[in-house]
Amino acid sequence: MLPARIDSAAACAVAEGIQARCGRSLTLDARQVEFAGALGLQVLIAARRQWREAGHAFRVTGADEALFDICRTLGVAPAHIGAGPEEEAPA
């Protein structure tokens, strides 16, 4: 499960937790996320890209409209972090 805040203070721990699951499909639960900063979103974008290149699924589930709004405010399609329809995001 992702933490309530994915900000610069949490980004390293989130990245380490994600990397510990490398090599297999991964689904992250975003129901608790209340805030995500640019660095936090970058962690998710990079992880999604790495998983796709390795041929594994990477999904963020349980994201609510608040997280989608944060993504849009920062110019990131929710699909780029693994949330929302895949067809919105190029590989």
PDB file of N, CA and C in Angstrom:
ATOM      1  N   MET A   1       0.840  -1.175   0.000  1.00  0.00           N
ATOM      2  CA  MET A   1       0.000   0.000   0.000  1.00  0.00           C
ATOM      3  C   MET A   1       0.889   1.244   0.000  1.00  0.00           C
ATOM      4  N   LEU A   2       0.523   2.200  -0.823  1.00  0.00           N
ATOM      5  CA  LEU A   2       1.259   3.462  -0.864  1.00  0.00           C
ATOM      6  C   LEU A   2       0.912   4.298   0.366  1.00  0.00           C
ATOM      7  N   PRO A   3       1.855   5.126   0.832  1.00  0.00           N
ATOM      8  CA  PRO A   3       1.590   5.956   2.013  1.00  0.00           C
ATOM      9  C   PRO A   3       0.640   7.111   1.690  1.00  0.00           C
ATOM     10  N   ALA A   4       0.155   7.766   2.735  1.00  0.00           N
ATOM     11  CA  ALA A   4      -0.767   8.891   2.566  1.00  0.00           C
ATOM     12  C   ALA A   4      -0.114  10.044   1.816  1.00  0.00           C
ATOM     13  N   ARG A   5       1.185  10.244   2.031  1.00  0.00           N
ATOM     14  CA  ARG A   5       1.919  11.320   1.358  1.00  0.00           C
ATOM     15  C   ARG A   5       3.079  10.713   0.570  1.00  0.00           C
ATOM     16  N   ILE A   6       3.087  10.993  -0.724  1.00  0.00           N
ATOM     17  CA  ILE A   6       4.217  10.587  -1.567  1.00  0.00           C
ATOM     18  C   ILE A   6       4.912  11.882  -1.968  1.00  0.00           C
ATOM     19  N   ASP A   7       5.666  12.429  -1.030  1.00  0.00           N
ATOM     20  CA  ASP A   7       6.366  13.688  -1.251  1.00  0.00           C
ATOM     21  C   ASP A   7       7.866  13.426  -1.279  1.00  0.00           C
ATOM     22  N   SER A   8       8.655  14.483  -1.292  1.00  0.00           N
ATOM     23  CA  SER A   8      10.107  14.305  -1.385  1.00  0.00           C
ATOM     24  C   SER A   8      10.660  13.543  -0.189  1.00  0.00           C
ATOM     25  N   ALA A   9      10.041  13.685   0.979  1.00  0.00           N
ATOM     26  CA  ALA A   9      10.509  12.967   2.163  1.00  0.00           C
ATOM     27  C   ALA A   9      10.232  11.466   2.069  1.00  0.00           C
ATOM     28  N   ALA A  10       9.178  11.083   1.372  1.00  0.00           N
ATOM     29  CA  ALA A  10       8.789   9.677   1.275  1.00  0.00           C
ATOM     30  C   ALA A  10       9.260   9.004  -0.007  1.00  0.00           C
ATOM     31  N   ALA A  11       9.676   9.779  -0.997  1.00  0.00           N
ATOM     32  CA  ALA A  11       9.969   9.232  -2.328  1.00  0.00           C
ATOM     33  C   ALA A  11      11.018   8.127  -2.304  1.00  0.00           C
ATOM     34  N   CYS A  12      12.086   8.294  -1.545  1.00  0.00           N
ATOM     35  CA  CYS A  12      13.151   7.294  -1.508  1.00  0.00           C
ATOM     36  C   CYS A  12      12.636   5.974  -0.938  1.00  0.00           C
ATOM     37  N   ALA A  13      11.898   6.037   0.156  1.00  0.00           N
ATOM     38  CA  ALA A  13      11.358   4.820   0.764  1.00  0.00           C
ATOM     39  C   ALA A  13      10.358   4.137  -0.166  1.00  0.00           C
ATOM     40  N   VAL A  14       9.533   4.923  -0.843  1.00  0.00           N
ATOM     41  CA  VAL A  14       8.577   4.358  -1.794  1.00  0.00           C
ATOM     42  C   VAL A  14       9.328   3.674  -2.934  1.00  0.00           C
ATOM     43  N   ALA A  15      10.343   4.339  -3.476  1.00  0.00           N
ATOM     44  CA  ALA A  15      11.133   3.756  -4.567  1.00  0.00           C
ATOM     45  C   ALA A  15      11.802   2.459  -4.125  1.00  0.00           C
ATOM     46  N   GLU A  16      12.369   2.443  -2.929  1.00  0.00           N
ATOM     47  CA  GLU A  16      13.017   1.228  -2.423  1.00  0.00           C
ATOM     48  C   GLU A  16      12.012   0.096  -2.248  1.00  0.00           C
ATOM     49  N   GLY A  17      10.834   0.421  -1.734  1.00  0.00           N
ATOM     50  CA  GLY A  17       9.799  -0.589  -1.564  1.00  0.00           C
ATOM     51  C   GLY A  17       9.338  -1.172  -2.887  1.00  0.00           C
ATOM     52  N   ILE A  18       9.230  -0.320  -3.890  1.00  0.00           N
ATOM     53  CA  ILE A  18       8.831  -0.782  -5.221  1.00  0.00           C
ATOM     54  C   ILE A  18       9.936  -1.644  -5.827  1.00  0.00           C
ATOM     55  N   GLN A  19      11.174  -1.181  -5.758  1.00  0.00           N
ATOM     56  CA  GLN A  19      12.288  -1.926  -6.352  1.00  0.00           C
ATOM     57  C   GLN A  19      12.473  -3.296  -5.703  1.00  0.00           C
ATOM     58  N   ALA A  20      12.105  -3.428  -4.445  1.00  0.00           N
ATOM     59  CA  ALA A  20      12.210  -4.719  -3.762  1.00  0.00           C
ATOM     60  C   ALA A  20      11.281  -5.756  -4.384  1.00  0.00           C
ATOM     61  N   ARG A  21      10.317  -5.302  -5.171  1.00  0.00           N
ATOM     62  CA  ARG A  21       9.356  -6.208  -5.814  1.00  0.00           C
ATOM     63  C   ARG A  21       9.615  -6.358  -7.310  1.00  0.00           C
ATOM     64  N   CYS A  22      10.787  -5.948  -7.736  1.00  0.00           N
ATOM     65  CA  CYS A  22      11.162  -6.010  -9.148  1.00  0.00           C
ATOM     66  C   CYS A  22      11.171  -7.458  -9.633  1.00  0.00           C
ATOM     67  N   GLY A  23      10.815  -7.640 -10.899  1.00  0.00           N
ATOM     68  CA  GLY A  23      10.891  -8.958 -11.509  1.00  0.00           C
ATOM     69  C   GLY A  23       9.575  -9.697 -11.581  1.00  0.00           C
ATOM     70  N   ARG A  24       8.515  -9.054 -11.133  1.00  0.00           N
ATOM     71  CA  ARG A  24       7.188  -9.673 -11.216  1.00  0.00           C
ATOM     72  C   ARG A  24       6.143  -8.559 -11.317  1.00  0.00           C
ATOM     73  N   SER A  25       4.958  -8.916 -11.736  1.00  0.00           N
ATOM     74  CA  SER A  25       3.877  -7.932 -11.828  1.00  0.00           C
ATOM     75  C   SER A  25       3.623  -7.320 -10.459  1.00  0.00           C
ATOM     76  N   LEU A  26       3.221  -6.049 -10.469  1.00  0.00           N
ATOM     77  CA  LEU A  26       3.035  -5.330  -9.214  1.00  0.00           C
ATOM     78  C   LEU A  26       1.776  -4.474  -9.275  1.00  0.00           C
ATOM     79  N   THR A  27       0.974  -4.566  -8.229  1.00  0.00           N
ATOM     80  CA  THR A  27      -0.187  -3.708  -8.061  1.00  0.00           C
ATOM     81  C   THR A  27      -0.033  -2.973  -6.743  1.00  0.00           C
ATOM     82  N   LEU A  28      -0.091  -1.649  -6.804  1.00  0.00           N
ATOM     83  CA  LEU A  28       0.033  -0.809  -5.615  1.00  0.00           C
ATOM     84  C   LEU A  28      -1.328  -0.224  -5.260  1.00  0.00           C
ATOM     85  N   ASP A  29      -1.672  -0.261  -4.000  1.00  0.00           N
ATOM     86  CA  ASP A  29      -2.942   0.261  -3.507  1.00  0.00           C
ATOM     87  C   ASP A  29      -2.763   1.729  -3.123  1.00  0.00           C
ATOM     88  N   ALA A  30      -3.502   2.607  -3.787  1.00  0.00           N
ATOM     89  CA  ALA A  30      -3.373   4.051  -3.559  1.00  0.00           C
ATOM     90  C   ALA A  30      -4.531   4.630  -2.749  1.00  0.00           C
ATOM     91  N   ARG A  31      -5.319   3.774  -2.092  1.00  0.00           N
ATOM     92  CA  ARG A  31      -6.486   4.282  -1.360  1.00  0.00           C
ATOM     93  C   ARG A  31      -6.125   5.274  -0.263  1.00  0.00           C
ATOM     94  N   GLN A  32      -4.928   5.159   0.320  1.00  0.00           N
ATOM     95  CA  GLN A  32      -4.543   6.061   1.405  1.00  0.00           C
ATOM     96  C   GLN A  32      -3.896   7.358   0.920  1.00  0.00           C
ATOM     97  N   VAL A  33      -3.547   7.440  -0.351  1.00  0.00           N
ATOM     98  CA  VAL A  33      -2.808   8.605  -0.849  1.00  0.00           C
ATOM     99  C   VAL A  33      -3.677   9.861  -0.783  1.00  0.00           C
ATOM    100  N   GLU A  34      -3.177  10.846  -0.040  1.00  0.00           N
ATOM    101  CA  GLU A  34      -3.846  12.141   0.072  1.00  0.00           C
ATOM    102  C   GLU A  34      -3.074  13.232  -0.661  1.00  0.00           C
ATOM    103  N   PHE A  35      -1.758  13.020  -0.832  1.00  0.00           N
ATOM    104  CA  PHE A  35      -0.903  14.005  -1.488  1.00  0.00           C
ATOM    105  C   PHE A  35       0.209  13.281  -2.228  1.00  0.00           C
ATOM    106  N   ALA A  36       0.526  13.779  -3.403  1.00  0.00           N
ATOM    107  CA  ALA A  36       1.678  13.287  -4.158  1.00  0.00           C
ATOM    108  C   ALA A  36       2.353  14.487  -4.795  1.00  0.00           C
ATOM    109  N   GLY A  37       3.639  14.622  -4.569  1.00  0.00           N
ATOM    110  CA  GLY A  37       4.410  15.693  -5.175  1.00  0.00           C
ATOM    111  C   GLY A  37       5.041  15.225  -6.475  1.00  0.00           C
ATOM    112  N   ALA A  38       5.725  16.131  -7.128  1.00  0.00           N
ATOM    113  CA  ALA A  38       6.353  15.815  -8.411  1.00  0.00           C
ATOM    114  C   ALA A  38       7.354  14.671  -8.279  1.00  0.00           C
ATOM    115  N   LEU A  39       8.157  14.669  -7.225  1.00  0.00           N
ATOM    116  CA  LEU A  39       9.138  13.598  -7.044  1.00  0.00           C
ATOM    117  C   LEU A  39       8.447  12.258  -6.796  1.00  0.00           C
ATOM    118  N   GLY A  40       7.373  12.272  -6.036  1.00  0.00           N
ATOM    119  CA  GLY A  40       6.616  11.047  -5.801  1.00  0.00           C
ATOM    120  C   GLY A  40       6.026  10.488  -7.085  1.00  0.00           C
ATOM    121  N   LEU A  41       5.463  11.369  -7.908  1.00  0.00           N
ATOM    122  CA  LEU A  41       4.924  10.915  -9.189  1.00  0.00           C
ATOM    123  C   LEU A  41       6.036  10.404 -10.091  1.00  0.00           C
ATOM    124  N   GLN A  42       7.201  11.042 -10.052  1.00  0.00           N
ATOM    125  CA  GLN A  42       8.327  10.587 -10.867  1.00  0.00           C
ATOM    126  C   GLN A  42       8.741   9.171 -10.483  1.00  0.00           C
ATOM    127  N   VAL A  43       8.705   8.854  -9.200  1.00  0.00           N
ATOM    128  CA  VAL A  43       9.018   7.491  -8.750  1.00  0.00           C
ATOM    129  C   VAL A  43       8.061   6.498  -9.406  1.00  0.00           C
ATOM    130  N   LEU A  44       6.767   6.829  -9.412  1.00  0.00           N
ATOM    131  CA  LEU A  44       5.774   5.927 -10.002  1.00  0.00           C
ATOM    132  C   LEU A  44       5.913   5.851 -11.518  1.00  0.00           C
ATOM    133  N   ILE A  45       6.188   6.980 -12.163  1.00  0.00           N
ATOM    134  CA  ILE A  45       6.381   6.993 -13.619  1.00  0.00           C
ATOM    135  C   ILE A  45       7.571   6.119 -14.001  1.00  0.00           C
ATOM    136  N   ALA A  46       8.685   6.288 -13.297  1.00  0.00           N
ATOM    137  CA  ALA A  46       9.896   5.511 -13.599  1.00  0.00           C
ATOM    138  C   ALA A  46       9.668   4.027 -13.346  1.00  0.00           C
ATOM    139  N   ALA A  47       8.975   3.703 -12.271  1.00  0.00           N
ATOM    140  CA  ALA A  47       8.709   2.293 -11.967  1.00  0.00           C
ATOM    141  C   ALA A  47       7.813   1.679 -13.034  1.00  0.00           C
ATOM    142  N   ARG A  48       6.765   2.396 -13.429  1.00  0.00           N
ATOM    143  CA  ARG A  48       5.870   1.874 -14.473  1.00  0.00           C
ATOM    144  C   ARG A  48       6.648   1.604 -15.757  1.00  0.00           C
ATOM    145  N   ARG A  49       7.516   2.531 -16.126  1.00  0.00           N
ATOM    146  CA  ARG A  49       8.320   2.360 -17.339  1.00  0.00           C
ATOM    147  C   ARG A  49       9.240   1.141 -17.210  1.00  0.00           C
ATOM    148  N   GLN A  50       9.904   1.009 -16.070  1.00  0.00           N
ATOM    149  CA  GLN A  50      10.805  -0.125 -15.844  1.00  0.00           C
ATOM    150  C   GLN A  50      10.039  -1.448 -15.919  1.00  0.00           C
ATOM    151  N   TRP A  51       8.867  -1.505 -15.308  1.00  0.00           N
ATOM    152  CA  TRP A  51       8.079  -2.735 -15.320  1.00  0.00           C
ATOM    153  C   TRP A  51       7.627  -3.063 -16.744  1.00  0.00           C
ATOM    154  N   ARG A  52       7.173  -2.056 -17.473  1.00  0.00           N
ATOM    155  CA  ARG A  52       6.724  -2.303 -18.852  1.00  0.00           C
ATOM    156  C   ARG A  52       7.868  -2.809 -19.718  1.00  0.00           C
ATOM    157  N   GLU A  53       9.050  -2.208 -19.581  1.00  0.00           N
ATOM    158  CA  GLU A  53      10.209  -2.641 -20.363  1.00  0.00           C
ATOM    159  C   GLU A  53      10.600  -4.075 -20.030  1.00  0.00           C
ATOM    160  N   ALA A  54      10.341  -4.497 -18.802  1.00  0.00           N
ATOM    161  CA  ALA A  54      10.649  -5.870 -18.385  1.00  0.00           C
ATOM    162  C   ALA A  54       9.517  -6.835 -18.736  1.00  0.00           C
ATOM    163  N   GLY A  55       8.424  -6.307 -19.276  1.00  0.00           N
ATOM    164  CA  GLY A  55       7.304  -7.153 -19.673  1.00  0.00           C
ATOM    165  C   GLY A  55       6.371  -7.539 -18.535  1.00  0.00           C
ATOM    166  N   HIS A  56       6.398  -6.773 -17.450  1.00  0.00           N
ATOM    167  CA  HIS A  56       5.549  -7.056 -16.295  1.00  0.00           C
ATOM    168  C   HIS A  56       4.485  -5.973 -16.143  1.00  0.00           C
ATOM    169  N   ALA A  57       3.365  -6.365 -15.575  1.00  0.00           N
ATOM    170  CA  ALA A  57       2.284  -5.410 -15.315  1.00  0.00           C
ATOM    171  C   ALA A  57       2.628  -4.541 -14.113  1.00  0.00           C
ATOM    172  N   PHE A  58       2.251  -3.269 -14.190  1.00  0.00           N
ATOM    173  CA  PHE A  58       2.427  -2.319 -13.090  1.00  0.00           C
ATOM    174  C   PHE A  58       1.158  -1.503 -13.001  1.00  0.00           C
ATOM    175  N   ARG A  59       0.429  -1.638 -11.909  1.00  0.00           N
ATOM    176  CA  ARG A  59      -0.842  -0.938 -11.756  1.00  0.00           C
ATOM    177  C   ARG A  59      -0.901  -0.230 -10.415  1.00  0.00           C
ATOM    178  N   VAL A  60      -1.553   0.907 -10.409  1.00  0.00           N
ATOM    179  CA  VAL A  60      -1.886   1.621  -9.182  1.00  0.00           C
ATOM    180  C   VAL A  60      -3.407   1.586  -9.093  1.00  0.00           C
ATOM    181  N   THR A  61      -3.918   0.931  -8.066  1.00  0.00           N
ATOM    182  CA  THR A  61      -5.364   0.791  -7.911  1.00  0.00           C
ATOM    183  C   THR A  61      -5.852   1.612  -6.725  1.00  0.00           C
ATOM    184  N   GLY A  62      -7.141   1.851  -6.701  1.00  0.00           N
ATOM    185  CA  GLY A  62      -7.748   2.561  -5.586  1.00  0.00           C
ATOM    186  C   GLY A  62      -7.516   4.061  -5.592  1.00  0.00           C
ATOM    187  N   ALA A  63      -6.909   4.571  -6.648  1.00  0.00           N
ATOM    188  CA  ALA A  63      -6.669   6.021  -6.733  1.00  0.00           C
ATOM    189  C   ALA A  63      -8.006   6.735  -6.851  1.00  0.00           C
ATOM    190  N   ASP A  64      -8.132   7.835  -6.126  1.00  0.00           N
ATOM    191  CA  ASP A  64      -9.372   8.594  -6.214  1.00  0.00           C
ATOM    192  C   ASP A  64      -9.161   9.866  -7.034  1.00  0.00           C
ATOM    193  N   GLU A  65     -10.207  10.626  -7.158  1.00  0.00           N
ATOM    194  CA  GLU A  65     -10.160  11.826  -7.998  1.00  0.00           C
ATOM    195  C   GLU A  65      -9.121  12.829  -7.508  1.00  0.00           C
ATOM    196  N   ALA A  66      -8.850  12.848  -6.206  1.00  0.00           N
ATOM    197  CA  ALA A  66      -7.838  13.776  -5.672  1.00  0.00           C
ATOM    198  C   ALA A  66      -6.464  13.472  -6.261  1.00  0.00           C
ATOM    199  N   LEU A  67      -6.104  12.197  -6.341  1.00  0.00           N
ATOM    200  CA  LEU A  67      -4.812  11.833  -6.933  1.00  0.00           C
ATOM    201  C   LEU A  67      -4.805  12.144  -8.427  1.00  0.00           C
ATOM    202  N   PHE A  68      -5.913  11.888  -9.102  1.00  0.00           N
ATOM    203  CA  PHE A  68      -5.994  12.227 -10.523  1.00  0.00           C
ATOM    204  C   PHE A  68      -5.847  13.735 -10.728  1.00  0.00           C
ATOM    205  N   ASP A  69      -6.447  14.534  -9.843  1.00  0.00           N
ATOM    206  CA  ASP A  69      -6.320  15.994  -9.935  1.00  0.00           C
ATOM    207  C   ASP A  69      -4.872  16.433  -9.753  1.00  0.00           C
ATOM    208  N   ILE A  70      -4.173  15.817  -8.801  1.00  0.00           N
ATOM    209  CA  ILE A  70      -2.755  16.129  -8.590  1.00  0.00           C
ATOM    210  C   ILE A  70      -1.967  15.807  -9.854  1.00  0.00           C
ATOM    211  N   CYS A  71      -2.240  14.651 -10.438  1.00  0.00           N
ATOM    212  CA  CYS A  71      -1.554  14.275 -11.683  1.00  0.00           C
ATOM    213  C   CYS A  71      -1.784  15.326 -12.758  1.00  0.00           C
ATOM    214  N   ARG A  72      -3.033  15.676 -12.979  1.00  0.00           N
ATOM    215  CA  ARG A  72      -3.354  16.646 -14.030  1.00  0.00           C
ATOM    216  C   ARG A  72      -2.726  18.005 -13.750  1.00  0.00           C
ATOM    217  N   THR A  73      -2.720  18.429 -12.487  1.00  0.00           N
ATOM    218  CA  THR A  73      -2.111  19.710 -12.119  1.00  0.00           C
ATOM    219  C   THR A  73      -0.631  19.727 -12.474  1.00  0.00           C
ATOM    220  N   LEU A  74       0.031  18.584 -12.303  1.00  0.00           N
ATOM    221  CA  LEU A  74       1.460  18.479 -12.600  1.00  0.00           C
ATOM    222  C   LEU A  74       1.732  18.057 -14.045  1.00  0.00           C
ATOM    223  N   GLY A  75       0.672  17.941 -14.849  1.00  0.00           N
ATOM    224  CA  GLY A  75       0.834  17.616 -16.264  1.00  0.00           C
ATOM    225  C   GLY A  75       1.114  16.155 -16.537  1.00  0.00           C
ATOM    226  N   VAL A  76       0.653  15.286 -15.652  1.00  0.00           N
ATOM    227  CA  VAL A  76       0.897  13.848 -15.783  1.00  0.00           C
ATOM    228  C   VAL A  76      -0.435  13.139 -16.000  1.00  0.00           C
ATOM    229  N   ALA A  77      -0.543  12.359 -17.060  1.00  0.00           N
ATOM    230  CA  ALA A  77      -1.736  11.542 -17.249  1.00  0.00           C
ATOM    231  C   ALA A  77      -1.737  10.456 -16.179  1.00  0.00           C
ATOM    232  N   PRO A  78      -2.870  10.205 -15.519  1.00  0.00           N
ATOM    233  CA  PRO A  78      -2.909   9.160 -14.499  1.00  0.00           C
ATOM    234  C   PRO A  78      -2.365   7.818 -14.996  1.00  0.00           C
ATOM    235  N   ALA A  79      -2.565   7.516 -16.259  1.00  0.00           N
ATOM    236  CA  ALA A  79      -2.052   6.252 -16.801  1.00  0.00           C
ATOM    237  C   ALA A  79      -0.530   6.186 -16.763  1.00  0.00           C
ATOM    238  N   HIS A  80       0.148   7.325 -16.748  1.00  0.00           N
ATOM    239  CA  HIS A  80       1.612   7.320 -16.690  1.00  0.00           C
ATOM    240  C   HIS A  80       2.140   6.810 -15.357  1.00  0.00           C
ATOM    241  N   ILE A  81       1.308   6.858 -14.312  1.00  0.00           N
ATOM    242  CA  ILE A  81       1.728   6.306 -13.023  1.00  0.00           C
ATOM    243  C   ILE A  81       1.131   4.916 -12.802  1.00  0.00           C
ATOM    244  N   GLY A  82       0.435   4.404 -13.811  1.00  0.00           N
ATOM    245  CA  GLY A  82      -0.159   3.077 -13.705  1.00  0.00           C
ATOM    246  C   GLY A  82      -1.596   3.087 -13.238  1.00  0.00           C
ATOM    247  N   ALA A  83      -2.200   4.272 -13.129  1.00  0.00           N
ATOM    248  CA  ALA A  83      -3.598   4.392 -12.711  1.00  0.00           C
ATOM    249  C   ALA A  83      -4.424   4.827 -13.907  1.00  0.00           C
ATOM    250  N   GLY A  84      -5.601   4.293 -14.043  1.00  0.00           N
ATOM    251  CA  GLY A  84      -6.451   4.682 -15.157  1.00  0.00           C
ATOM    252  C   GLY A  84      -6.188   3.830 -16.381  1.00  0.00           C
ATOM    253  N   PRO A  85      -6.914   4.103 -17.444  1.00  0.00           N
ATOM    254  CA  PRO A  85      -6.800   3.300 -18.671  1.00  0.00           C
ATOM    255  C   PRO A  85      -5.409   3.371 -19.294  1.00  0.00           C
ATOM    256  N   GLU A  86      -4.880   2.226 -19.656  1.00  0.00           N
ATOM    257  CA  GLU A  86      -3.551   2.148 -20.270  1.00  0.00           C
ATOM    258  C   GLU A  86      -3.484   2.862 -21.616  1.00  0.00           C
ATOM    259  N   GLU A  87      -4.595   2.904 -22.336  1.00  0.00           N
ATOM    260  CA  GLU A  87      -4.534   3.514 -23.666  1.00  0.00           C
ATOM    261  C   GLU A  87      -4.254   5.011 -23.610  1.00  0.00           C
ATOM    262  N   GLU A  88      -4.393   5.632 -22.436  1.00  0.00           N
ATOM    263  CA  GLU A  88      -4.097   7.058 -22.308  1.00  0.00           C
ATOM    264  C   GLU A  88      -2.606   7.349 -22.329  1.00  0.00           C
ATOM    265  N   ALA A  89      -1.803   6.352 -22.016  1.00  0.00           N
ATOM    266  CA  ALA A  89      -0.370   6.589 -21.829  1.00  0.00           C
ATOM    267  C   ALA A  89       0.456   5.814 -22.840  1.00  0.00           C
ATOM    268  N   PRO A  90       1.311   6.507 -23.577  1.00  0.00           N
ATOM    269  CA  PRO A  90       2.217   5.797 -24.470  1.00  0.00           C
ATOM    270  C   PRO A  90       3.237   5.010 -23.659  1.00  0.00           C
ATOM    271  N   ALA A  91       3.792   4.003 -24.259  1.00  0.00           N
ATOM    272  CA  ALA A  91       4.781   3.154 -23.565  1.00  0.00           C
ATOM    273  C   ALA A  91       6.035   3.913 -23.227  1.00  0.00           C
TER     274      ALA A  91
END
